[in-house]
Amino acid sequence: MNYAFIGALMHQEIIPAIGCTEPIAVSLCVAKACETLGSLPEKIEVSLSANIYKNAMGVGIPNTGMTGLPIAVALGAIAGKSEYGLEVLKDADALSVAKAKEYLEQNRIEIGIDKQTSEILSICTTVYAGSNSAKAIIAGAHTNFTHISLNGNTILSNSSISSQGDENSEAQLSMRDVYQYATTVPLEQIEWLKDAEKMNTAAAETSFTGSYGHGLGKLMHESAKDSIFGDTLFTKILSYTSGACDARMSGAMVPVMSNSGSGNQGISATVPVVIFGRERGVSEEKLLRALALSHLTVIYIKQSLGRLSALCGCVVAATGSSCGITYLMGGEFKEVCYTVKNMVANLTGMICDGAKPSCSLKVTSGVSTAVLSAVLAMEQRYTTSLEGIIDDDVDKCIANLTNIGRNGMRETDKLILQIMTEK
């Protein structure tokens, strides 16, 4: 067990983010290009891979009251600071937003889909001022700069981290690795996951105080005592998780702890486990280990699925939280494997049609299935290899899931984007 490697992997993949990570990554790329140029550009050209474009079309941009890429680009140029990573817009205030909206009205921004790139996650920004120009490229991961240049002179050139999943990676984990690390790693090495607990539950509580997105979390929270939802642990898990998603997708200026480049994945991997643990009064150590199990399961699955795909990330993240809840119920490795099989049997095939307010509905579907799968697993009830894509080997089950999402749904992804852009 390489504790150092897995710990470093978790620190790399579980990071704070403000706003949906696709448009925010675009803001980050624009900010870096503008910083390289050294002045506010007269013109900005942004070329995106189809999946980045899809995930940035309909989501709220923090503190703006607006959705989509144009305001993300303008605000990245006006107020973005690349040193903040996925919190690039955290200094954007009302004055910055007003300036960004004015910049938009001047028609200085061009945004298009790069039909030539083979990368699923790719952002290319070129900015111009007088005779000067600067270019920045992000590829493979939301904060991974692969190219920076000024007036054609290269400042940075890195090989791209592929956004395609690689199930043959030498660093590929197994479910046994994930479980062993989470349950045996020295506690002080995962205490930082308390930040995820505080951050992501605070996002949920923010949603209860305002009007965000479709208000799904707030609706369930306020209606917990009526005859539809009921005042139960299950309702609380759903309301807090969907509430955090409501706030984030609507552009609330609240940070969340993301996982594998997705705030919604970070929320879904964290909040259900935290609420279950708090309500059941588990020890701090037990809760931290459950969070480690949940988050690391997400990272493991995303290693072969890829950061962006036609398969909704809620499926992956809810599988993680289901494992964490199973552990909190007293389950061991066997029961954790059962719950993974139950999740794969149920939610495989849920499409991703971009980031948007209604993501809270998909998050809630995933998390409700997570609780159900955990309950079944603890009763020794699980889907078997006689059923659909399930295999006796839990790692093969996950490989089947990611193969469908990575390869089988490619044409689905193209059709989704076609439908979205032709509306």
Protein backbone atom coordinates (compact mmCIF):
# COMPACT_ATOMS: atom_id res chain seq x y z
CA MET A 1 0.00 0.00 0.00
CA ASN A 2 1.63 3.22 -1.20
CA TYR A 3 0.12 5.64 1.29
CA ALA A 4 2.19 8.57 0.05
CA PHE A 5 1.09 8.12 -3.56
CA ILE A 6 -2.60 7.76 -2.72
CA GLY A 7 -2.48 10.68 -0.31
CA ALA A 8 -0.88 12.89 -2.96
CA LEU A 9 -3.51 11.74 -5.47
CA MET A 10 -6.30 12.75 -3.10
CA HIS A 11 -4.76 16.17 -2.51
CA GLN A 12 -4.46 16.63 -6.26
CA GLU A 13 -8.06 15.67 -7.02
CA ILE A 14 -9.94 17.08 -4.01
CA ILE A 15 -9.61 20.86 -4.16
CA PRO A 16 -11.78 23.94 -3.49
CA ALA A 17 -13.74 25.49 -6.36
CA ILE A 18 -16.14 28.41 -6.70
CA GLY A 19 -18.72 27.95 -9.45
CA CYS A 20 -19.11 25.17 -12.00
CA THR A 21 -15.65 23.94 -12.92
CA GLU A 22 -16.07 24.05 -16.72
CA PRO A 23 -16.86 27.77 -17.14
CA ILE A 24 -14.54 28.50 -14.22
CA ALA A 25 -11.71 26.68 -16.03
CA VAL A 26 -12.45 28.92 -19.02
CA SER A 27 -12.22 31.97 -16.72
CA LEU A 28 -8.91 30.60 -15.42
CA CYS A 29 -7.51 30.18 -18.92
CA VAL A 30 -8.62 33.68 -19.90
CA ALA A 31 -7.11 35.14 -16.73
CA LYS A 32 -3.75 33.49 -17.43
CA ALA A 33 -3.73 34.74 -21.03
CA CYS A 34 -4.55 38.29 -19.89
CA GLU A 35 -1.87 38.19 -17.20
CA THR A 36 0.63 37.08 -19.84
CA LEU A 37 -0.48 39.89 -22.15
CA GLY A 38 -0.12 42.39 -19.33
CA SER A 39 -3.21 44.44 -20.13
CA LEU A 40 -6.94 44.19 -20.70
CA PRO A 41 -7.30 42.76 -24.22
CA GLU A 42 -9.08 44.46 -27.05
CA LYS A 43 -10.24 41.06 -28.30
CA ILE A 44 -10.57 37.58 -26.80
CA GLU A 45 -10.86 34.36 -28.80
CA VAL A 46 -11.83 31.17 -26.97
CA SER A 47 -11.86 27.73 -28.61
CA LEU A 48 -13.30 24.84 -26.58
CA SER A 49 -13.65 21.10 -26.79
CA ALA A 50 -17.27 20.04 -27.21
CA ASN A 51 -17.58 18.69 -23.67
CA ILE A 52 -16.34 21.91 -22.08
CA TYR A 53 -18.76 23.86 -24.25
CA LYS A 54 -21.63 21.55 -23.29
CA ASN A 55 -20.96 21.80 -19.56
CA ALA A 56 -20.63 25.59 -19.57
CA MET A 57 -23.69 26.62 -21.56
CA GLY A 58 -26.41 26.73 -18.94
CA VAL A 59 -24.82 27.16 -15.53
CA GLY A 60 -24.81 30.26 -13.33
CA ILE A 61 -21.58 32.23 -12.99
CA PRO A 62 -20.83 33.32 -9.39
CA ASN A 63 -21.94 36.77 -8.31
CA THR A 64 -23.22 37.80 -11.76
CA GLY A 65 -26.85 36.73 -11.98
CA MET A 66 -25.98 35.48 -15.47
CA THR A 67 -25.36 32.09 -17.07
CA GLY A 68 -22.99 30.74 -19.66
CA LEU A 69 -19.61 31.32 -21.22
CA PRO A 70 -19.60 34.98 -22.33
CA ILE A 71 -19.80 36.40 -18.81
CA ALA A 72 -17.32 33.78 -17.57
CA VAL A 73 -14.84 34.93 -20.22
CA ALA A 74 -15.39 38.63 -19.54
CA LEU A 75 -15.12 38.27 -15.78
CA GLY A 76 -11.99 36.14 -16.12
CA ALA A 77 -10.41 38.99 -18.08
CA ILE A 78 -11.58 41.72 -15.72
CA ALA A 79 -11.17 40.16 -12.28
CA GLY A 80 -9.67 36.68 -12.64
CA LYS A 81 -6.50 35.71 -10.80
CA SER A 82 -4.93 32.51 -12.07
CA GLU A 83 -3.03 31.94 -8.82
CA TYR A 84 -6.38 31.01 -7.23
CA GLY A 85 -6.91 28.01 -9.53
CA LEU A 86 -10.58 26.96 -9.56
CA GLU A 87 -11.33 29.84 -7.19
CA VAL A 88 -10.14 32.22 -9.92
CA LEU A 89 -13.16 34.54 -9.51
CA LYS A 90 -13.23 34.75 -5.74
CA ASP A 91 -12.19 38.45 -5.75
CA ALA A 92 -14.87 39.44 -8.27
CA ASP A 93 -17.10 42.09 -6.69
CA ALA A 94 -20.07 44.13 -7.92
CA LEU A 95 -17.80 46.65 -9.65
CA SER A 96 -15.92 43.87 -11.46
CA VAL A 97 -19.20 42.34 -12.61
CA ALA A 98 -20.42 45.71 -13.90
CA LYS A 99 -17.19 46.17 -15.86
CA ALA A 100 -17.45 42.64 -17.25
CA LYS A 101 -21.01 43.26 -18.45
CA GLU A 102 -19.86 46.50 -20.11
CA TYR A 103 -17.02 44.60 -21.79
CA LEU A 104 -19.54 42.07 -23.09
CA GLU A 105 -21.59 44.82 -24.71
CA GLN A 106 -18.54 45.88 -26.75
CA ASN A 107 -18.60 42.56 -28.68
CA ARG A 108 -14.94 41.81 -28.04
CA ILE A 109 -15.38 38.09 -27.35
CA GLU A 110 -15.53 35.18 -29.79
CA ILE A 111 -16.31 31.68 -28.51
CA GLY A 112 -16.42 28.51 -30.58
CA ILE A 113 -16.04 24.74 -30.54
CA ASP A 114 -12.66 23.33 -31.54
CA LYS A 115 -13.58 20.52 -33.93
CA GLN A 116 -9.93 19.56 -34.46
CA THR A 117 -8.90 18.69 -30.91
CA SER A 118 -8.78 15.09 -29.78
CA GLU A 119 -8.92 16.15 -26.14
CA ILE A 120 -12.24 15.90 -24.33
CA LEU A 121 -11.14 18.66 -21.97
CA SER A 122 -9.50 21.47 -23.90
CA ILE A 123 -9.56 25.28 -23.61
CA CYS A 124 -7.55 27.57 -25.88
CA THR A 125 -7.59 31.33 -25.25
CA THR A 126 -5.89 33.96 -27.41
CA VAL A 127 -6.01 37.62 -26.39
CA TYR A 128 -4.99 40.69 -28.36
CA ALA A 129 -3.99 44.28 -27.53
CA GLY A 130 -2.51 46.43 -30.28
CA SER A 131 0.31 44.48 -31.92
CA ASN A 132 0.64 42.12 -28.95
CA SER A 133 -1.00 38.77 -28.38
CA ALA A 134 -0.88 36.04 -25.78
CA LYS A 135 -2.15 32.47 -25.75
CA ALA A 136 -2.95 30.03 -22.95
CA ILE A 137 -4.12 26.44 -23.29
CA ILE A 138 -5.60 24.16 -20.64
CA ALA A 139 -5.95 20.48 -21.53
CA GLY A 140 -6.61 17.17 -19.83
CA ALA A 141 -7.46 18.61 -16.41
CA HIS A 142 -9.24 21.79 -15.36
CA THR A 143 -6.12 23.55 -14.06
CA ASN A 144 -3.48 21.92 -16.27
CA PHE A 145 -1.81 24.55 -18.45
CA THR A 146 -0.10 22.89 -21.39
CA HIS A 147 0.90 26.03 -23.29
CA ILE A 148 1.52 29.71 -22.56
CA SER A 149 3.05 32.11 -25.07
CA LEU A 150 3.49 35.84 -25.68
CA ASN A 151 3.78 37.20 -29.23
CA GLY A 152 4.50 33.69 -30.47
CA ASN A 153 7.33 33.11 -27.99
CA THR A 154 6.70 30.04 -25.84
CA ILE A 155 6.80 30.58 -22.10
CA LEU A 156 5.42 27.20 -21.05
CA SER A 157 5.03 23.94 -22.93
CA ASN A 158 3.91 20.76 -21.17
CA SER A 159 2.68 17.44 -22.47
CA SER A 160 -1.07 17.16 -21.96
CA ILE A 161 -2.62 15.04 -19.24
CA SER A 162 -5.20 13.15 -21.25
CA SER A 163 -8.82 13.69 -20.33
CA GLN A 164 -9.54 10.25 -21.73
CA GLY A 165 -9.74 7.58 -19.07
CA ASP A 166 -6.94 5.05 -19.10
CA GLU A 167 -7.88 1.77 -17.51
CA ASN A 168 -4.35 0.46 -18.15
CA SER A 169 -2.61 3.24 -16.26
CA GLU A 170 0.28 2.07 -14.10
CA ALA A 171 -1.16 4.17 -11.29
CA GLN A 172 -4.58 2.53 -11.54
CA LEU A 173 -6.11 1.72 -8.17
CA SER A 174 -8.31 -1.22 -7.24
CA MET A 175 -11.32 -1.29 -4.95
CA ARG A 176 -9.24 -3.25 -2.45
CA ASP A 177 -6.61 -0.46 -2.48
CA VAL A 178 -9.32 2.14 -1.92
CA TYR A 179 -10.84 0.30 1.03
CA GLN A 180 -7.51 -0.58 2.63
CA TYR A 181 -6.22 2.99 2.41
CA ALA A 182 -9.39 4.54 3.82
CA THR A 183 -9.60 2.14 6.75
CA THR A 184 -5.92 1.93 7.72
CA VAL A 185 -4.23 5.22 6.79
CA PRO A 186 -3.01 7.17 9.86
CA LEU A 187 -5.85 9.49 10.84
CA GLU A 188 -3.76 12.66 10.73
CA GLN A 189 -3.22 12.13 7.01
CA ILE A 190 -6.93 12.51 6.23
CA GLU A 191 -7.93 15.13 8.81
CA TRP A 192 -7.90 17.74 6.04
CA LEU A 193 -11.13 16.17 4.75
CA LYS A 194 -12.82 18.13 7.54
CA ASP A 195 -12.54 21.07 5.14
CA ALA A 196 -14.72 19.19 2.65
CA GLU A 197 -17.24 18.48 5.40
CA LYS A 198 -17.48 22.14 6.46
CA MET A 199 -17.38 23.63 2.98
CA ASN A 200 -19.93 21.40 1.28
CA THR A 201 -22.47 21.36 4.10
CA ALA A 202 -22.17 25.17 4.34
CA ALA A 203 -23.12 25.35 0.65
CA ALA A 204 -26.26 23.36 1.43
CA GLU A 205 -27.17 25.63 4.33
CA THR A 206 -26.70 28.65 2.07
CA SER A 207 -29.28 27.23 -0.33
CA PHE A 208 -31.87 27.02 2.45
CA THR A 209 -31.68 30.78 3.06
CA GLY A 210 -32.27 32.01 -0.48
CA SER A 211 -33.72 31.14 -3.85
CA TYR A 212 -31.32 29.08 -5.94
CA GLY A 213 -32.01 27.12 -9.10
CA HIS A 214 -35.09 24.95 -8.86
CA GLY A 215 -34.95 25.08 -5.07
CA LEU A 216 -35.17 21.32 -4.76
CA GLY A 217 -33.09 21.09 -1.60
CA LYS A 218 -34.93 23.95 0.09
CA LEU A 219 -38.29 22.44 -0.88
CA MET A 220 -37.45 19.11 0.74
CA HIS A 221 -35.87 20.82 3.74
CA GLU A 222 -38.90 22.98 4.43
CA SER A 223 -41.40 20.22 3.67
CA ALA A 224 -39.69 17.55 5.77
CA LYS A 225 -42.59 17.24 8.17
CA ASP A 226 -45.34 16.85 5.58
CA SER A 227 -46.81 13.62 4.31
CA ILE A 228 -44.75 13.48 1.11
CA PHE A 229 -41.16 13.55 2.31
CA GLY A 230 -41.30 13.01 6.03
CA ASP A 231 -38.87 14.19 8.69
CA THR A 232 -36.34 11.41 8.18
CA LEU A 233 -32.61 10.90 7.85
CA PHE A 234 -33.21 9.98 4.23
CA THR A 235 -34.96 13.30 3.52
CA LYS A 236 -32.20 15.24 5.25
CA ILE A 237 -29.52 13.52 3.17
CA LEU A 238 -31.40 14.35 -0.04
CA SER A 239 -32.23 17.95 0.91
CA TYR A 240 -28.70 18.86 1.96
CA THR A 241 -27.06 17.25 -1.07
CA SER A 242 -29.46 18.72 -3.63
CA GLY A 243 -29.38 22.07 -1.82
CA ALA A 244 -25.62 22.37 -2.16
CA CYS A 245 -25.99 21.58 -5.86
CA ASP A 246 -28.80 24.16 -6.22
CA ALA A 247 -26.59 26.90 -4.79
CA ARG A 248 -23.54 25.98 -6.84
CA MET A 249 -25.31 25.60 -10.18
CA SER A 250 -27.08 28.93 -9.74
CA GLY A 251 -23.88 30.89 -9.25
CA ALA A 252 -23.82 31.39 -5.49
CA MET A 253 -20.47 32.77 -4.38
CA VAL A 254 -19.76 29.81 -2.13
CA PRO A 255 -16.75 27.50 -2.33
CA VAL A 256 -17.20 23.74 -2.44
CA MET A 257 -14.65 20.97 -2.23
CA SER A 258 -14.56 19.39 -5.67
CA ASN A 259 -13.51 15.88 -6.68
CA SER A 260 -11.80 15.02 -9.98
CA GLY A 261 -12.62 18.41 -11.44
CA SER A 262 -16.30 18.52 -10.45
CA GLY A 263 -17.94 20.40 -7.61
CA ASN A 264 -21.11 18.33 -7.88
CA GLN A 265 -19.03 15.17 -7.56
CA GLY A 266 -17.37 16.63 -4.48
CA ILE A 267 -20.76 17.51 -3.00
CA SER A 268 -22.24 14.08 -3.74
CA ALA A 269 -19.19 12.31 -2.30
CA THR A 270 -19.24 14.41 0.88
CA VAL A 271 -22.67 15.57 2.01
CA PRO A 272 -24.60 12.26 2.18
CA VAL A 273 -21.79 10.68 4.21
CA VAL A 274 -21.54 13.68 6.56
CA ILE A 275 -25.28 13.91 7.21
CA PHE A 276 -25.57 10.17 7.80
CA GLY A 277 -22.60 10.21 10.16
CA ARG A 278 -23.78 13.24 12.13
CA GLU A 279 -27.30 11.91 12.55
CA ARG A 280 -26.02 8.52 13.69
CA GLY A 281 -23.49 10.08 16.06
CA VAL A 282 -20.44 8.26 14.69
CA SER A 283 -16.95 9.14 15.89
CA GLU A 284 -14.85 11.70 14.08
CA GLU A 285 -12.42 8.98 13.02
CA LYS A 286 -15.20 6.83 11.57
CA LEU A 287 -16.60 9.77 9.63
CA LEU A 288 -13.21 10.80 8.24
CA ARG A 289 -12.50 7.26 7.09
CA ALA A 290 -15.92 7.07 5.45
CA LEU A 291 -15.22 10.34 3.63
CA ALA A 292 -11.84 9.03 2.50
CA LEU A 293 -13.52 5.87 1.21
CA SER A 294 -16.18 7.86 -0.63
CA HIS A 295 -13.83 10.38 -2.24
CA LEU A 296 -11.19 7.83 -3.17
CA THR A 297 -13.82 5.59 -4.78
CA VAL A 298 -14.80 8.53 -6.99
CA ILE A 299 -11.18 9.16 -7.92
CA TYR A 300 -10.68 5.48 -8.72
CA ILE A 301 -13.68 5.32 -11.05
CA LYS A 302 -12.83 8.62 -12.73
CA GLN A 303 -9.32 7.34 -13.49
CA SER A 304 -10.75 5.09 -16.19
CA LEU A 305 -13.92 7.04 -17.03
CA GLY A 306 -12.20 10.35 -17.71
CA ARG A 307 -12.98 13.79 -16.31
CA LEU A 308 -15.74 14.56 -18.82
CA SER A 309 -18.03 12.05 -20.51
CA ALA A 310 -21.59 11.41 -21.62
CA LEU A 311 -22.11 9.53 -18.35
CA CYS A 312 -23.38 11.78 -15.55
CA GLY A 313 -20.79 12.29 -12.82
CA CYS A 314 -23.53 11.87 -10.22
CA VAL A 315 -23.42 8.13 -10.90
CA VAL A 316 -19.75 8.01 -9.96
CA ALA A 317 -19.97 10.31 -6.97
CA ALA A 318 -23.08 8.64 -5.57
CA THR A 319 -21.28 5.30 -5.79
CA GLY A 320 -18.59 6.79 -3.58
CA SER A 321 -21.05 8.07 -1.00
CA SER A 322 -22.86 4.73 -1.02
CA CYS A 323 -19.59 3.05 -0.07
CA GLY A 324 -19.03 5.61 2.68
CA ILE A 325 -22.54 5.11 4.08
CA THR A 326 -22.11 1.34 3.97
CA TYR A 327 -18.92 1.70 6.01
CA LEU A 328 -20.74 3.91 8.55
CA MET A 329 -23.44 1.23 8.84
CA GLY A 330 -20.74 -1.22 9.92
CA GLY A 331 -20.06 -2.74 6.53
CA GLU A 332 -16.69 -4.18 5.63
CA PHE A 333 -15.03 -4.77 2.26
CA LYS A 334 -17.55 -7.42 1.22
CA GLU A 335 -20.52 -5.12 1.83
CA VAL A 336 -18.76 -2.21 0.13
CA CYS A 337 -18.36 -4.38 -2.97
CA TYR A 338 -22.02 -5.30 -2.79
CA THR A 339 -23.07 -1.66 -2.73
CA VAL A 340 -20.86 -0.87 -5.74
CA LYS A 341 -22.55 -3.66 -7.69
CA ASN A 342 -25.99 -2.35 -6.69
CA MET A 343 -25.07 1.15 -7.87
CA VAL A 344 -23.60 0.00 -11.19
CA ALA A 345 -26.68 -2.13 -11.85
CA ASN A 346 -29.01 0.81 -11.28
CA LEU A 347 -27.60 4.09 -12.57
CA THR A 348 -25.34 3.16 -15.50
CA GLY A 349 -26.40 5.10 -18.58
CA MET A 350 -27.63 8.31 -16.93
CA ILE A 351 -26.63 10.94 -19.47
CA CYS A 352 -24.79 14.19 -18.83
CA ASP A 353 -26.49 16.97 -20.79
CA GLY A 354 -24.36 19.76 -19.40
CA ALA A 355 -24.06 21.58 -16.10
CA LYS A 356 -27.26 23.41 -15.17
CA PRO A 357 -29.69 24.03 -12.28
CA SER A 358 -31.51 20.74 -12.89
CA CYS A 359 -28.32 18.85 -12.01
CA SER A 360 -29.78 18.85 -8.50
CA LEU A 361 -32.43 16.42 -9.75
CA LYS A 362 -29.78 14.00 -10.99
CA VAL A 363 -27.73 14.42 -7.83
CA THR A 364 -30.82 13.53 -5.80
CA SER A 365 -31.51 10.47 -7.96
CA GLY A 366 -27.94 9.30 -7.47
CA VAL A 367 -27.90 9.88 -3.72
CA SER A 368 -31.28 8.25 -3.12
CA THR A 369 -29.99 5.19 -4.97
CA ALA A 370 -26.82 5.36 -2.87
CA VAL A 371 -28.77 5.02 0.35
CA LEU A 372 -30.91 2.23 -1.08
CA SER A 373 -27.83 0.36 -2.33
CA ALA A 374 -26.14 0.62 1.06
CA VAL A 375 -29.24 -0.66 2.90
CA LEU A 376 -29.49 -3.62 0.53
CA ALA A 377 -25.78 -4.39 0.86
CA MET A 378 -26.01 -4.51 4.65
CA GLU A 379 -28.81 -7.07 4.24
CA GLN A 380 -26.43 -9.12 2.05
CA ARG A 381 -28.60 -8.37 -0.97
CA TYR A 382 -26.77 -7.43 -4.14
CA THR A 383 -26.93 -7.80 -7.91
CA THR A 384 -25.06 -10.80 -9.29
CA SER A 385 -23.14 -11.68 -12.43
CA LEU A 386 -26.32 -13.18 -13.84
CA GLU A 387 -27.73 -9.66 -14.12
CA GLY A 388 -26.81 -7.27 -16.91
CA ILE A 389 -23.31 -5.80 -16.83
CA ILE A 390 -22.50 -6.96 -13.29
CA ASP A 391 -19.45 -9.16 -12.79
CA ASP A 392 -18.38 -11.20 -9.77
CA ASP A 393 -15.20 -9.07 -9.64
CA VAL A 394 -16.06 -5.59 -8.31
CA ASP A 395 -13.21 -3.99 -10.27
CA LYS A 396 -14.57 -5.54 -13.47
CA CYS A 397 -17.99 -4.08 -12.62
CA ILE A 398 -16.42 -0.63 -12.41
CA ALA A 399 -14.51 -1.25 -15.66
CA ASN A 400 -17.80 -2.19 -17.36
CA LEU A 401 -19.38 1.04 -16.09
CA THR A 402 -16.53 3.23 -17.28
CA ASN A 403 -16.20 1.43 -20.61
CA ILE A 404 -19.85 2.23 -21.34
CA GLY A 405 -19.42 5.85 -20.27
CA ARG A 406 -16.07 6.37 -22.00
CA ASN A 407 -16.56 4.40 -25.23
CA GLY A 408 -20.12 3.19 -25.59
CA MET A 409 -21.70 6.61 -25.11
CA ARG A 410 -19.51 8.63 -27.50
CA GLU A 411 -22.21 8.90 -30.13
CA THR A 412 -24.70 9.74 -27.40
CA ASP A 413 -22.43 12.61 -26.37
CA LYS A 414 -22.38 13.99 -29.91
CA LEU A 415 -26.16 13.78 -30.19
CA ILE A 416 -26.63 15.49 -26.82
CA LEU A 417 -24.43 18.41 -27.93
CA GLN A 418 -26.25 18.61 -31.28
CA ILE A 419 -29.62 18.81 -29.54
CA MET A 420 -28.36 21.43 -27.07
CA THR A 421 -26.79 23.69 -29.69
CA GLU A 422 -29.71 23.51 -32.12
CA LYS A 423 -32.36 24.61 -29.65
